[in-house]
Amino acid sequence: MARALGVVQRSTAANGASNTLTSIGDLDGDGVPELLLRWAMPEGAANAEVPAAPDSRPLWCVYLLAWDGARWKASRLVSGVEEYTPAVIALGPSLGRALALILREGDSQTAYPIVFRIRDHAATLLWDAQSDDSLYEPLLQGQVRFRENANAPAEMIVSGRADPGLLQFEPKGRRGFSARVVYRWDGKTFTPAKTEYAANADYTLYRFIAALHLHDYRAAYALTVP
Protein backbone atom coordinates (compact mmCIF):
# COMPACT_ATOMS: atom_id res chain seq x y z
CA MET A 1 0.00 0.00 0.00
CA ALA A 2 2.86 2.39 0.76
CA ARG A 3 4.26 1.91 -2.75
CA ALA A 4 0.81 2.36 -4.32
CA LEU A 5 0.27 5.62 -2.48
CA GLY A 6 3.81 6.88 -2.92
CA VAL A 7 4.35 7.41 0.79
CA VAL A 8 7.09 6.46 3.23
CA GLN A 9 6.39 3.19 5.01
CA ARG A 10 5.41 3.85 8.61
CA SER A 11 3.10 2.08 11.01
CA THR A 12 3.00 4.64 13.83
CA ALA A 13 3.51 8.35 14.38
CA ALA A 14 6.03 9.92 16.75
CA ASN A 15 3.66 9.78 19.72
CA GLY A 16 2.62 6.18 19.06
CA ALA A 17 -0.64 6.98 17.24
CA SER A 18 -1.29 4.38 14.56
CA ASN A 19 -2.24 4.66 10.92
CA THR A 20 -5.94 3.87 10.54
CA LEU A 21 -8.26 2.62 7.81
CA THR A 22 -11.94 3.45 8.35
CA SER A 23 -15.06 2.65 6.32
CA ILE A 24 -17.19 5.74 5.60
CA GLY A 25 -20.00 4.01 3.66
CA ASP A 26 -20.87 3.62 0.00
CA LEU A 27 -20.70 7.22 -1.22
CA ASP A 28 -20.71 6.55 -4.98
CA GLY A 29 -23.46 3.91 -4.92
CA ASP A 30 -21.46 1.05 -6.47
CA GLY A 31 -22.11 -1.35 -3.61
CA VAL A 32 -18.59 -1.17 -2.17
CA PRO A 33 -17.93 1.14 0.81
CA GLU A 34 -15.21 3.74 0.46
CA LEU A 35 -12.37 3.84 2.99
CA LEU A 36 -10.58 6.72 4.67
CA LEU A 37 -6.87 6.17 5.27
CA ARG A 38 -4.96 8.20 7.86
CA TRP A 39 -1.23 7.86 7.23
CA ALA A 40 1.47 9.31 9.48
CA MET A 41 3.92 11.69 7.82
CA PRO A 42 7.63 11.21 8.54
CA GLU A 43 9.18 13.66 11.01
CA GLY A 44 10.28 16.84 9.27
CA ALA A 45 8.31 16.13 6.07
CA ALA A 46 6.08 19.20 6.54
CA ASN A 47 9.00 21.55 7.25
CA ALA A 48 12.42 19.98 7.00
CA GLU A 49 14.19 23.13 8.26
CA VAL A 50 12.34 23.24 11.58
CA PRO A 51 12.81 20.18 13.83
CA ALA A 52 9.66 18.89 15.48
CA ALA A 53 9.24 19.48 19.20
CA PRO A 54 9.37 16.37 21.40
CA ASP A 55 5.73 16.81 22.48
CA SER A 56 4.41 17.95 19.09
CA ARG A 57 1.33 16.35 17.60
CA PRO A 58 1.75 13.98 14.67
CA LEU A 59 0.98 15.21 11.16
CA TRP A 60 -1.22 13.12 8.92
CA CYS A 61 -1.95 12.56 5.27
CA VAL A 62 -5.56 11.57 4.56
CA TYR A 63 -6.54 9.50 1.52
CA LEU A 64 -9.82 8.23 0.11
CA LEU A 65 -9.65 4.65 -1.15
CA ALA A 66 -12.34 3.54 -3.62
CA TRP A 67 -12.75 0.15 -5.36
CA ASP A 68 -13.17 0.45 -9.16
CA GLY A 69 -13.96 -3.22 -9.73
CA ALA A 70 -10.36 -4.31 -10.24
CA ARG A 71 -8.24 -2.33 -7.79
CA TRP A 72 -8.30 0.30 -5.08
CA LYS A 73 -7.86 3.86 -6.32
CA ALA A 74 -6.35 6.38 -3.92
CA SER A 75 -7.16 10.11 -3.80
CA ARG A 76 -5.08 12.32 -1.53
CA LEU A 77 -7.46 14.62 0.33
CA VAL A 78 -5.19 16.61 2.68
CA SER A 79 -1.64 16.40 3.97
CA GLY A 80 0.21 17.77 6.99
CA VAL A 81 -2.87 18.10 9.21
CA GLU A 82 -2.90 17.64 12.99
CA GLU A 83 -6.56 16.96 13.65
CA TYR A 84 -9.62 16.38 11.47
CA THR A 85 -13.16 15.01 11.62
CA PRO A 86 -14.89 13.38 8.62
CA ALA A 87 -18.58 13.78 7.83
CA VAL A 88 -20.72 12.41 4.98
CA ILE A 89 -23.21 15.04 3.81
CA ALA A 90 -25.92 15.37 1.16
CA LEU A 91 -25.65 18.25 -1.33
CA GLY A 92 -28.90 17.79 -3.22
CA PRO A 93 -30.03 15.54 -6.11
CA SER A 94 -27.46 16.84 -8.61
CA LEU A 95 -24.39 16.14 -6.47
CA GLY A 96 -25.64 13.44 -4.12
CA ARG A 97 -23.56 12.61 -1.09
CA ALA A 98 -20.18 14.21 -0.51
CA LEU A 99 -17.36 13.92 2.00
CA ALA A 100 -16.49 16.79 4.33
CA LEU A 101 -13.29 17.00 6.37
CA ILE A 102 -13.27 19.46 9.25
CA LEU A 103 -9.67 20.47 9.95
CA ARG A 104 -8.50 22.08 13.19
CA GLU A 105 -5.58 24.44 13.43
CA GLY A 106 -3.40 25.66 16.30
CA ASP A 107 -4.16 26.28 19.94
CA SER A 108 -7.24 28.33 19.06
CA GLN A 109 -8.81 25.15 17.63
CA THR A 110 -10.07 27.10 14.61
CA ALA A 111 -12.09 24.78 12.36
CA TYR A 112 -11.87 24.83 8.55
CA PRO A 113 -14.15 22.50 6.54
CA ILE A 114 -13.29 21.08 3.11
CA VAL A 115 -15.83 19.30 0.89
CA PHE A 116 -15.05 16.64 -1.73
CA ARG A 117 -17.23 15.02 -4.37
CA ILE A 118 -16.86 11.27 -4.96
CA ARG A 119 -17.20 10.39 -8.63
CA ASP A 120 -15.69 7.67 -10.84
CA HIS A 121 -14.07 6.16 -7.74
CA ALA A 122 -12.07 9.33 -7.07
CA ALA A 123 -12.41 12.41 -4.87
CA THR A 124 -12.41 15.91 -6.35
CA LEU A 125 -12.42 19.17 -4.40
CA LEU A 126 -15.77 20.96 -4.34
CA TRP A 127 -15.24 23.68 -1.75
CA ASP A 128 -12.46 24.79 0.60
CA ALA A 129 -13.20 27.17 3.48
CA GLN A 130 -9.68 28.63 3.17
CA SER A 131 -9.86 29.44 -0.54
CA ASP A 132 -9.55 33.06 -1.67
CA ASP A 133 -13.20 33.32 -2.77
CA SER A 134 -14.63 31.64 0.32
CA LEU A 135 -17.18 33.53 2.43
CA TYR A 136 -16.43 31.38 5.46
CA GLU A 137 -15.64 33.27 8.68
CA PRO A 138 -13.84 31.09 11.27
CA LEU A 139 -14.68 31.34 14.95
CA LEU A 140 -12.29 30.78 17.86
CA GLN A 141 -12.73 27.43 19.61
CA GLY A 142 -15.18 26.71 16.81
CA GLN A 143 -17.35 23.71 16.12
CA VAL A 144 -18.65 22.76 12.66
CA ARG A 145 -21.55 20.39 12.10
CA PHE A 146 -23.87 19.63 9.22
CA ARG A 147 -27.66 19.42 9.45
CA GLU A 148 -29.50 17.30 6.90
CA ASN A 149 -32.42 19.01 5.18
CA ALA A 150 -34.68 16.40 3.49
CA ASN A 151 -34.06 16.56 -0.29
CA ALA A 152 -32.28 19.92 -0.07
CA PRO A 153 -28.53 20.31 0.52
CA ALA A 154 -27.34 20.00 4.10
CA GLU A 155 -26.81 23.19 6.10
CA MET A 156 -23.47 23.90 7.72
CA ILE A 157 -23.69 25.28 11.26
CA VAL A 158 -20.62 26.96 12.75
CA SER A 159 -20.54 27.91 16.42
CA GLY A 160 -17.80 29.32 18.58
CA ARG A 161 -16.39 32.49 20.08
CA ALA A 162 -16.61 35.62 17.96
CA ASP A 163 -13.50 37.65 17.20
CA PRO A 164 -14.84 41.13 16.37
CA GLY A 165 -11.41 42.69 15.80
CA LEU A 166 -12.01 45.98 17.59
CA LEU A 167 -11.94 44.22 20.97
CA GLN A 168 -8.84 42.27 22.01
CA PHE A 169 -9.45 39.04 23.90
CA GLU A 170 -7.00 36.30 24.80
CA PRO A 171 -7.41 33.33 22.42
CA LYS A 172 -7.55 30.88 25.34
CA GLY A 173 -9.42 33.18 27.71
CA ARG A 174 -13.08 33.29 28.67
CA ARG A 175 -13.83 36.84 27.59
CA GLY A 176 -15.81 37.48 24.42
CA PHE A 177 -19.19 36.31 23.18
CA SER A 178 -20.49 33.31 21.31
CA ALA A 179 -21.76 33.27 17.75
CA ARG A 180 -23.70 30.79 15.65
CA VAL A 181 -23.67 31.05 11.85
CA VAL A 182 -25.80 28.99 9.45
CA TYR A 183 -24.34 28.47 5.95
CA ARG A 184 -26.35 27.19 2.99
CA TRP A 185 -25.06 25.45 -0.14
CA ASP A 186 -25.87 27.38 -3.35
CA GLY A 187 -24.60 24.73 -5.75
CA LYS A 188 -20.98 25.86 -5.71
CA THR A 189 -20.16 27.20 -2.26
CA PHE A 190 -21.43 27.57 1.29
CA THR A 191 -22.69 31.11 1.92
CA PRO A 192 -23.70 32.62 5.29
CA ALA A 193 -27.48 32.84 5.69
CA LYS A 194 -28.07 33.68 9.35
CA THR A 195 -25.89 34.82 12.25
CA GLU A 196 -26.87 34.80 15.91
CA TYR A 197 -24.89 36.17 18.87
CA ALA A 198 -25.16 35.28 22.54
CA ALA A 199 -26.13 38.30 24.64
CA ASN A 200 -23.65 39.05 27.42
CA ALA A 201 -21.66 41.99 28.77
CA ASP A 202 -18.91 41.72 26.13
CA TYR A 203 -21.44 41.62 23.30
CA THR A 204 -23.09 44.75 24.70
CA LEU A 205 -19.66 46.41 24.84
CA TYR A 206 -19.00 45.42 21.23
CA ARG A 207 -22.37 46.86 20.10
CA PHE A 208 -21.65 50.06 22.03
CA ILE A 209 -18.24 50.64 20.37
CA ALA A 210 -19.60 49.64 16.93
CA ALA A 211 -22.44 52.16 17.27
CA LEU A 212 -19.95 54.89 18.21
CA HIS A 213 -17.91 54.09 15.10
CA LEU A 214 -21.09 54.54 13.05
CA HIS A 215 -21.88 57.82 14.88
CA ASP A 216 -25.19 56.28 16.01
CA TYR A 217 -25.02 57.89 19.45
CA ARG A 218 -28.66 57.25 20.28
CA ALA A 219 -28.18 53.48 19.84
CA ALA A 220 -24.83 53.52 21.63
CA TYR A 221 -25.96 55.29 24.80
CA ALA A 222 -29.20 53.31 24.88
CA LEU A 223 -26.98 50.37 25.85
CA THR A 224 -25.59 52.08 28.94
CA VAL A 225 -27.00 51.78 32.43
CA PRO A 226 -27.57 55.12 34.24
C-alpha atoms as a PDB file:
ATOM      1  CA  MET A   1       0.000   0.000   0.000  1.00  0.00           C
ATOM      2  CA  ALA A   2       2.864   2.386   0.757  1.00  0.00           C
ATOM      3  CA  ARG A   3       4.257   1.909  -2.752  1.00  0.00           C
ATOM      4  CA  ALA A   4       0.814   2.355  -4.322  1.00  0.00           C
ATOM      5  CA  LEU A   5       0.266   5.625  -2.482  1.00  0.00           C
ATOM      6  CA  GLY A   6       3.810   6.884  -2.922  1.00  0.00           C
ATOM      7  CA  VAL A   7       4.353   7.410   0.794  1.00  0.00           C
ATOM      8  CA  VAL A   8       7.087   6.463   3.230  1.00  0.00           C
ATOM      9  CA  GLN A   9       6.394   3.191   5.006  1.00  0.00           C
ATOM     10  CA  ARG A  10       5.407   3.851   8.614  1.00  0.00           C
ATOM     11  CA  SER A  11       3.097   2.082  11.008  1.00  0.00           C
ATOM     12  CA  THR A  12       3.000   4.641  13.828  1.00  0.00           C
ATOM     13  CA  ALA A  13       3.506   8.354  14.377  1.00  0.00           C
ATOM     14  CA  ALA A  14       6.026   9.920  16.746  1.00  0.00           C
ATOM     15  CA  ASN A  15       3.660   9.779  19.724  1.00  0.00           C
ATOM     16  CA  GLY A  16       2.616   6.182  19.057  1.00  0.00           C
ATOM     17  CA  ALA A  17      -0.636   6.980  17.238  1.00  0.00           C
ATOM     18  CA  SER A  18      -1.294   4.380  14.558  1.00  0.00           C
ATOM     19  CA  ASN A  19      -2.244   4.661  10.925  1.00  0.00           C
ATOM     20  CA  THR A  20      -5.937   3.874  10.542  1.00  0.00           C
ATOM     21  CA  LEU A  21      -8.257   2.624   7.811  1.00  0.00           C
ATOM     22  CA  THR A  22     -11.943   3.451   8.348  1.00  0.00           C
ATOM     23  CA  SER A  23     -15.056   2.651   6.316  1.00  0.00           C
ATOM     24  CA  ILE A  24     -17.191   5.740   5.595  1.00  0.00           C
ATOM     25  CA  GLY A  25     -19.996   4.008   3.661  1.00  0.00           C
ATOM     26  CA  ASP A  26     -20.868   3.623  -0.002  1.00  0.00           C
ATOM     27  CA  LEU A  27     -20.701   7.223  -1.216  1.00  0.00           C
ATOM     28  CA  ASP A  28     -20.715   6.548  -4.982  1.00  0.00           C
ATOM     29  CA  GLY A  29     -23.461   3.907  -4.923  1.00  0.00           C
ATOM     30  CA  ASP A  30     -21.464   1.047  -6.474  1.00  0.00           C
ATOM     31  CA  GLY A  31     -22.113  -1.351  -3.613  1.00  0.00           C
ATOM     32  CA  VAL A  32     -18.586  -1.170  -2.167  1.00  0.00           C
ATOM     33  CA  PRO A  33     -17.930   1.140   0.809  1.00  0.00           C
ATOM     34  CA  GLU A  34     -15.210   3.741   0.464  1.00  0.00           C
ATOM     35  CA  LEU A  35     -12.369   3.835   2.990  1.00  0.00           C
ATOM     36  CA  LEU A  36     -10.579   6.718   4.672  1.00  0.00           C
ATOM     37  CA  LEU A  37      -6.872   6.171   5.267  1.00  0.00           C
ATOM     38  CA  ARG A  38      -4.961   8.201   7.860  1.00  0.00           C
ATOM     39  CA  TRP A  39      -1.227   7.864   7.234  1.00  0.00           C
ATOM     40  CA  ALA A  40       1.472   9.311   9.476  1.00  0.00           C
ATOM     41  CA  MET A  41       3.917  11.689   7.817  1.00  0.00           C
ATOM     42  CA  PRO A  42       7.630  11.214   8.543  1.00  0.00           C
ATOM     43  CA  GLU A  43       9.177  13.658  11.012  1.00  0.00           C
ATOM     44  CA  GLY A  44      10.282  16.840   9.266  1.00  0.00           C
ATOM     45  CA  ALA A  45       8.313  16.134   6.075  1.00  0.00           C
ATOM     46  CA  ALA A  46       6.076  19.204   6.538  1.00  0.00           C
ATOM     47  CA  ASN A  47       8.997  21.553   7.254  1.00  0.00           C
ATOM     48  CA  ALA A  48      12.424  19.976   7.000  1.00  0.00           C
ATOM     49  CA  GLU A  49      14.193  23.129   8.255  1.00  0.00           C
ATOM     50  CA  VAL A  50      12.344  23.237  11.582  1.00  0.00           C
ATOM     51  CA  PRO A  51      12.808  20.183  13.832  1.00  0.00           C
ATOM     52  CA  ALA A  52       9.658  18.888  15.483  1.00  0.00           C
ATOM     53  CA  ALA A  53       9.237  19.477  19.204  1.00  0.00           C
ATOM     54  CA  PRO A  54       9.367  16.367  21.402  1.00  0.00           C
ATOM     55  CA  ASP A  55       5.732  16.815  22.484  1.00  0.00           C
ATOM     56  CA  SER A  56       4.410  17.954  19.094  1.00  0.00           C
ATOM     57  CA  ARG A  57       1.330  16.351  17.603  1.00  0.00           C
ATOM     58  CA  PRO A  58       1.754  13.978  14.672  1.00  0.00           C
ATOM     59  CA  LEU A  59       0.984  15.206  11.165  1.00  0.00           C
ATOM     60  CA  TRP A  60      -1.225  13.118   8.915  1.00  0.00           C
ATOM     61  CA  CYS A  61      -1.950  12.562   5.266  1.00  0.00           C
ATOM     62  CA  VAL A  62      -5.557  11.568   4.560  1.00  0.00           C
ATOM     63  CA  TYR A  63      -6.544   9.503   1.521  1.00  0.00           C
ATOM     64  CA  LEU A  64      -9.819   8.235   0.107  1.00  0.00           C
ATOM     65  CA  LEU A  65      -9.648   4.645  -1.146  1.00  0.00           C
ATOM     66  CA  ALA A  66     -12.340   3.542  -3.621  1.00  0.00           C
ATOM     67  CA  TRP A  67     -12.748   0.151  -5.361  1.00  0.00           C
ATOM     68  CA  ASP A  68     -13.173   0.454  -9.160  1.00  0.00           C
ATOM     69  CA  GLY A  69     -13.958  -3.218  -9.731  1.00  0.00           C
ATOM     70  CA  ALA A  70     -10.355  -4.310 -10.239  1.00  0.00           C
ATOM     71  CA  ARG A  71      -8.237  -2.329  -7.789  1.00  0.00           C
ATOM     72  CA  TRP A  72      -8.299   0.304  -5.083  1.00  0.00           C
ATOM     73  CA  LYS A  73      -7.864   3.864  -6.322  1.00  0.00           C
ATOM     74  CA  ALA A  74      -6.346   6.382  -3.918  1.00  0.00           C
ATOM     75  CA  SER A  75      -7.162  10.110  -3.800  1.00  0.00           C
ATOM     76  CA  ARG A  76      -5.076  12.321  -1.526  1.00  0.00           C
ATOM     77  CA  LEU A  77      -7.458  14.623   0.330  1.00  0.00           C
ATOM     78  CA  VAL A  78      -5.190  16.612   2.678  1.00  0.00           C
ATOM     79  CA  SER A  79      -1.644  16.404   3.974  1.00  0.00           C
ATOM     80  CA  GLY A  80       0.211  17.771   6.985  1.00  0.00           C
ATOM     81  CA  VAL A  81      -2.871  18.096   9.211  1.00  0.00           C
ATOM     82  CA  GLU A  82      -2.895  17.637  12.993  1.00  0.00           C
ATOM     83  CA  GLU A  83      -6.564  16.956  13.646  1.00  0.00           C
ATOM     84  CA  TYR A  84      -9.622  16.384  11.472  1.00  0.00           C
ATOM     85  CA  THR A  85     -13.162  15.014  11.620  1.00  0.00           C
ATOM     86  CA  PRO A  86     -14.886  13.384   8.617  1.00  0.00           C
ATOM     87  CA  ALA A  87     -18.583  13.778   7.830  1.00  0.00           C
ATOM     88  CA  VAL A  88     -20.717  12.406   4.982  1.00  0.00           C
ATOM     89  CA  ILE A  89     -23.210  15.039   3.814  1.00  0.00           C
ATOM     90  CA  ALA A  90     -25.916  15.366   1.164  1.00  0.00           C
ATOM     91  CA  LEU A  91     -25.648  18.251  -1.327  1.00  0.00           C
ATOM     92  CA  GLY A  92     -28.896  17.787  -3.224  1.00  0.00           C
ATOM     93  CA  PRO A  93     -30.032  15.544  -6.110  1.00  0.00           C
ATOM     94  CA  SER A  94     -27.457  16.836  -8.615  1.00  0.00           C
ATOM     95  CA  LEU A  95     -24.393  16.137  -6.467  1.00  0.00           C
ATOM     96  CA  GLY A  96     -25.639  13.442  -4.120  1.00  0.00           C
ATOM     97  CA  ARG A  97     -23.557  12.608  -1.090  1.00  0.00           C
ATOM     98  CA  ALA A  98     -20.176  14.211  -0.509  1.00  0.00           C
ATOM     99  CA  LEU A  99     -17.364  13.916   2.000  1.00  0.00           C
ATOM    100  CA  ALA A 100     -16.490  16.788   4.328  1.00  0.00           C
ATOM    101  CA  LEU A 101     -13.290  16.998   6.370  1.00  0.00           C
ATOM    102  CA  ILE A 102     -13.272  19.461   9.253  1.00  0.00           C
ATOM    103  CA  LEU A 103      -9.666  20.474   9.946  1.00  0.00           C
ATOM    104  CA  ARG A 104      -8.501  22.084  13.190  1.00  0.00           C
ATOM    105  CA  GLU A 105      -5.576  24.436  13.428  1.00  0.00           C
ATOM    106  CA  GLY A 106      -3.402  25.658  16.295  1.00  0.00           C
ATOM    107  CA  ASP A 107      -4.155  26.285  19.940  1.00  0.00           C
ATOM    108  CA  SER A 108      -7.239  28.329  19.061  1.00  0.00           C
ATOM    109  CA  GLN A 109      -8.813  25.152  17.625  1.00  0.00           C
ATOM    110  CA  THR A 110     -10.068  27.096  14.614  1.00  0.00           C
ATOM    111  CA  ALA A 111     -12.086  24.784  12.362  1.00  0.00           C
ATOM    112  CA  TYR A 112     -11.867  24.828   8.552  1.00  0.00           C
ATOM    113  CA  PRO A 113     -14.146  22.503   6.543  1.00  0.00           C
ATOM    114  CA  ILE A 114     -13.292  21.083   3.112  1.00  0.00           C
ATOM    115  CA  VAL A 115     -15.832  19.299   0.892  1.00  0.00           C
ATOM    116  CA  PHE A 116     -15.049  16.642  -1.726  1.00  0.00           C
ATOM    117  CA  ARG A 117     -17.227  15.020  -4.374  1.00  0.00           C
ATOM    118  CA  ILE A 118     -16.857  11.269  -4.958  1.00  0.00           C
ATOM    119  CA  ARG A 119     -17.202  10.389  -8.632  1.00  0.00           C
ATOM    120  CA  ASP A 120     -15.687   7.667 -10.842  1.00  0.00           C
ATOM    121  CA  HIS A 121     -14.068   6.164  -7.738  1.00  0.00           C
ATOM    122  CA  ALA A 122     -12.067   9.331  -7.070  1.00  0.00           C
ATOM    123  CA  ALA A 123     -12.408  12.408  -4.866  1.00  0.00           C
ATOM    124  CA  THR A 124     -12.410  15.910  -6.354  1.00  0.00           C
ATOM    125  CA  LEU A 125     -12.415  19.167  -4.402  1.00  0.00           C
ATOM    126  CA  LEU A 126     -15.765  20.962  -4.344  1.00  0.00           C
ATOM    127  CA  TRP A 127     -15.241  23.682  -1.749  1.00  0.00           C
ATOM    128  CA  ASP A 128     -12.464  24.789   0.599  1.00  0.00           C
ATOM    129  CA  ALA A 129     -13.203  27.173   3.483  1.00  0.00           C
ATOM    130  CA  GLN A 130      -9.681  28.627   3.174  1.00  0.00           C
ATOM    131  CA  SER A 131      -9.865  29.436  -0.543  1.00  0.00           C
ATOM    132  CA  ASP A 132      -9.548  33.061  -1.673  1.00  0.00           C
ATOM    133  CA  ASP A 133     -13.197  33.323  -2.772  1.00  0.00           C
ATOM    134  CA  SER A 134     -14.634  31.638   0.322  1.00  0.00           C
ATOM    135  CA  LEU A 135     -17.185  33.532   2.432  1.00  0.00           C
ATOM    136  CA  TYR A 136     -16.430  31.381   5.461  1.00  0.00           C
ATOM    137  CA  GLU A 137     -15.639  33.268   8.682  1.00  0.00           C
ATOM    138  CA  PRO A 138     -13.844  31.090  11.270  1.00  0.00           C
ATOM    139  CA  LEU A 139     -14.681  31.340  14.952  1.00  0.00           C
ATOM    140  CA  LEU A 140     -12.293  30.779  17.859  1.00  0.00           C
ATOM    141  CA  GLN A 141     -12.727  27.428  19.611  1.00  0.00           C
ATOM    142  CA  GLY A 142     -15.182  26.711  16.814  1.00  0.00           C
ATOM    143  CA  GLN A 143     -17.351  23.708  16.121  1.00  0.00           C
ATOM    144  CA  VAL A 144     -18.654  22.764  12.664  1.00  0.00           C
ATOM    145  CA  ARG A 145     -21.549  20.394  12.099  1.00  0.00           C
ATOM    146  CA  PHE A 146     -23.871  19.630   9.216  1.00  0.00           C
ATOM    147  CA  ARG A 147     -27.658  19.418   9.455  1.00  0.00           C
ATOM    148  CA  GLU A 148     -29.496  17.300   6.902  1.00  0.00           C
ATOM    149  CA  ASN A 149     -32.425  19.007   5.179  1.00  0.00           C
ATOM    150  CA  ALA A 150     -34.683  16.399   3.487  1.00  0.00           C
ATOM    151  CA  ASN A 151     -34.064  16.558  -0.289  1.00  0.00           C
ATOM    152  CA  ALA A 152     -32.283  19.918  -0.070  1.00  0.00           C
ATOM    153  CA  PRO A 153     -28.534  20.314   0.522  1.00  0.00           C
ATOM    154  CA  ALA A 154     -27.336  20.001   4.102  1.00  0.00           C
ATOM    155  CA  GLU A 155     -26.813  23.186   6.100  1.00  0.00           C
ATOM    156  CA  MET A 156     -23.473  23.895   7.717  1.00  0.00           C
ATOM    157  CA  ILE A 157     -23.692  25.280  11.261  1.00  0.00           C
ATOM    158  CA  VAL A 158     -20.624  26.959  12.747  1.00  0.00           C
ATOM    159  CA  SER A 159     -20.545  27.914  16.421  1.00  0.00           C
ATOM    160  CA  GLY A 160     -17.796  29.319  18.583  1.00  0.00           C
ATOM    161  CA  ARG A 161     -16.386  32.489  20.078  1.00  0.00           C
ATOM    162  CA  ALA A 162     -16.609  35.618  17.959  1.00  0.00           C
ATOM    163  CA  ASP A 163     -13.502  37.651  17.204  1.00  0.00           C
ATOM    164  CA  PRO A 164     -14.844  41.127  16.374  1.00  0.00           C
ATOM    165  CA  GLY A 165     -11.415  42.685  15.800  1.00  0.00           C
ATOM    166  CA  LEU A 166     -12.005  45.977  17.586  1.00  0.00           C
ATOM    167  CA  LEU A 167     -11.937  44.217  20.974  1.00  0.00           C
ATOM    168  CA  GLN A 168      -8.838  42.275  22.008  1.00  0.00           C
ATOM    169  CA  PHE A 169      -9.452  39.036  23.900  1.00  0.00           C
ATOM    170  CA  GLU A 170      -6.999  36.302  24.801  1.00  0.00           C
ATOM    171  CA  PRO A 171      -7.409  33.326  22.419  1.00  0.00           C
ATOM    172  CA  LYS A 172      -7.550  30.885  25.344  1.00  0.00           C
ATOM    173  CA  GLY A 173      -9.424  33.183  27.709  1.00  0.00           C
ATOM    174  CA  ARG A 174     -13.083  33.286  28.674  1.00  0.00           C
ATOM    175  CA  ARG A 175     -13.831  36.835  27.592  1.00  0.00           C
ATOM    176  CA  GLY A 176     -15.806  37.478  24.418  1.00  0.00           C
ATOM    177  CA  PHE A 177     -19.185  36.311  23.181  1.00  0.00           C
ATOM    178  CA  SER A 178     -20.490  33.314  21.312  1.00  0.00           C
ATOM    179  CA  ALA A 179     -21.761  33.272  17.751  1.00  0.00           C
ATOM    180  CA  ARG A 180     -23.704  30.785  15.646  1.00  0.00           C
ATOM    181  CA  VAL A 181     -23.671  31.045  11.846  1.00  0.00           C
ATOM    182  CA  VAL A 182     -25.796  28.987   9.449  1.00  0.00           C
ATOM    183  CA  TYR A 183     -24.335  28.471   5.950  1.00  0.00           C
ATOM    184  CA  ARG A 184     -26.350  27.190   2.986  1.00  0.00           C
ATOM    185  CA  TRP A 185     -25.060  25.452  -0.139  1.00  0.00           C
ATOM    186  CA  ASP A 186     -25.869  27.377  -3.347  1.00  0.00           C
ATOM    187  CA  GLY A 187     -24.603  24.727  -5.748  1.00  0.00           C
ATOM    188  CA  LYS A 188     -20.977  25.859  -5.706  1.00  0.00           C
ATOM    189  CA  THR A 189     -20.163  27.198  -2.261  1.00  0.00           C
ATOM    190  CA  PHE A 190     -21.435  27.572   1.288  1.00  0.00           C
ATOM    191  CA  THR A 191     -22.689  31.110   1.917  1.00  0.00           C
ATOM    192  CA  PRO A 192     -23.703  32.620   5.291  1.00  0.00           C
ATOM    193  CA  ALA A 193     -27.481  32.836   5.688  1.00  0.00           C
ATOM    194  CA  LYS A 194     -28.069  33.676   9.353  1.00  0.00           C
ATOM    195  CA  THR A 195     -25.893  34.821  12.255  1.00  0.00           C
ATOM    196  CA  GLU A 196     -26.875  34.803  15.912  1.00  0.00           C
ATOM    197  CA  TYR A 197     -24.893  36.168  18.868  1.00  0.00           C
ATOM    198  CA  ALA A 198     -25.161  35.285  22.541  1.00  0.00           C
ATOM    199  CA  ALA A 199     -26.129  38.296  24.642  1.00  0.00           C
ATOM    200  CA  ASN A 200     -23.648  39.046  27.419  1.00  0.00           C
ATOM    201  CA  ALA A 201     -21.662  41.995  28.772  1.00  0.00           C
ATOM    202  CA  ASP A 202     -18.905  41.720  26.127  1.00  0.00           C
ATOM    203  CA  TYR A 203     -21.440  41.619  23.300  1.00  0.00           C
ATOM    204  CA  THR A 204     -23.085  44.752  24.697  1.00  0.00           C
ATOM    205  CA  LEU A 205     -19.663  46.414  24.839  1.00  0.00           C
ATOM    206  CA  TYR A 206     -19.003  45.417  21.229  1.00  0.00           C
ATOM    207  CA  ARG A 207     -22.365  46.860  20.100  1.00  0.00           C
ATOM    208  CA  PHE A 208     -21.650  50.064  22.028  1.00  0.00           C
ATOM    209  CA  ILE A 209     -18.243  50.638  20.366  1.00  0.00           C
ATOM    210  CA  ALA A 210     -19.597  49.643  16.935  1.00  0.00           C
ATOM    211  CA  ALA A 211     -22.437  52.161  17.271  1.00  0.00           C
ATOM    212  CA  LEU A 212     -19.953  54.889  18.211  1.00  0.00           C
ATOM    213  CA  HIS A 213     -17.915  54.091  15.102  1.00  0.00           C
ATOM    214  CA  LEU A 214     -21.093  54.538  13.049  1.00  0.00           C
ATOM    215  CA  HIS A 215     -21.884  57.821  14.877  1.00  0.00           C
ATOM    216  CA  ASP A 216     -25.188  56.278  16.014  1.00  0.00           C
ATOM    217  CA  TYR A 217     -25.017  57.885  19.449  1.00  0.00           C
ATOM    218  CA  ARG A 218     -28.664  57.251  20.283  1.00  0.00           C
ATOM    219  CA  ALA A 219     -28.179  53.476  19.842  1.00  0.00           C
ATOM    220  CA  ALA A 220     -24.829  53.524  21.633  1.00  0.00           C
ATOM    221  CA  TYR A 221     -25.963  55.286  24.798  1.00  0.00           C
ATOM    222  CA  ALA A 222     -29.204  53.307  24.879  1.00  0.00           C
ATOM    223  CA  LEU A 223     -26.979  50.369  25.848  1.00  0.00           C
ATOM    224  CA  THR A 224     -25.591  52.080  28.942  1.00  0.00           C
ATOM    225  CA  VAL A 225     -26.999  51.779  32.433  1.00  0.00           C
ATOM    226  CA  PRO A 226     -27.566  55.118  34.244  1.00  0.00           C
END
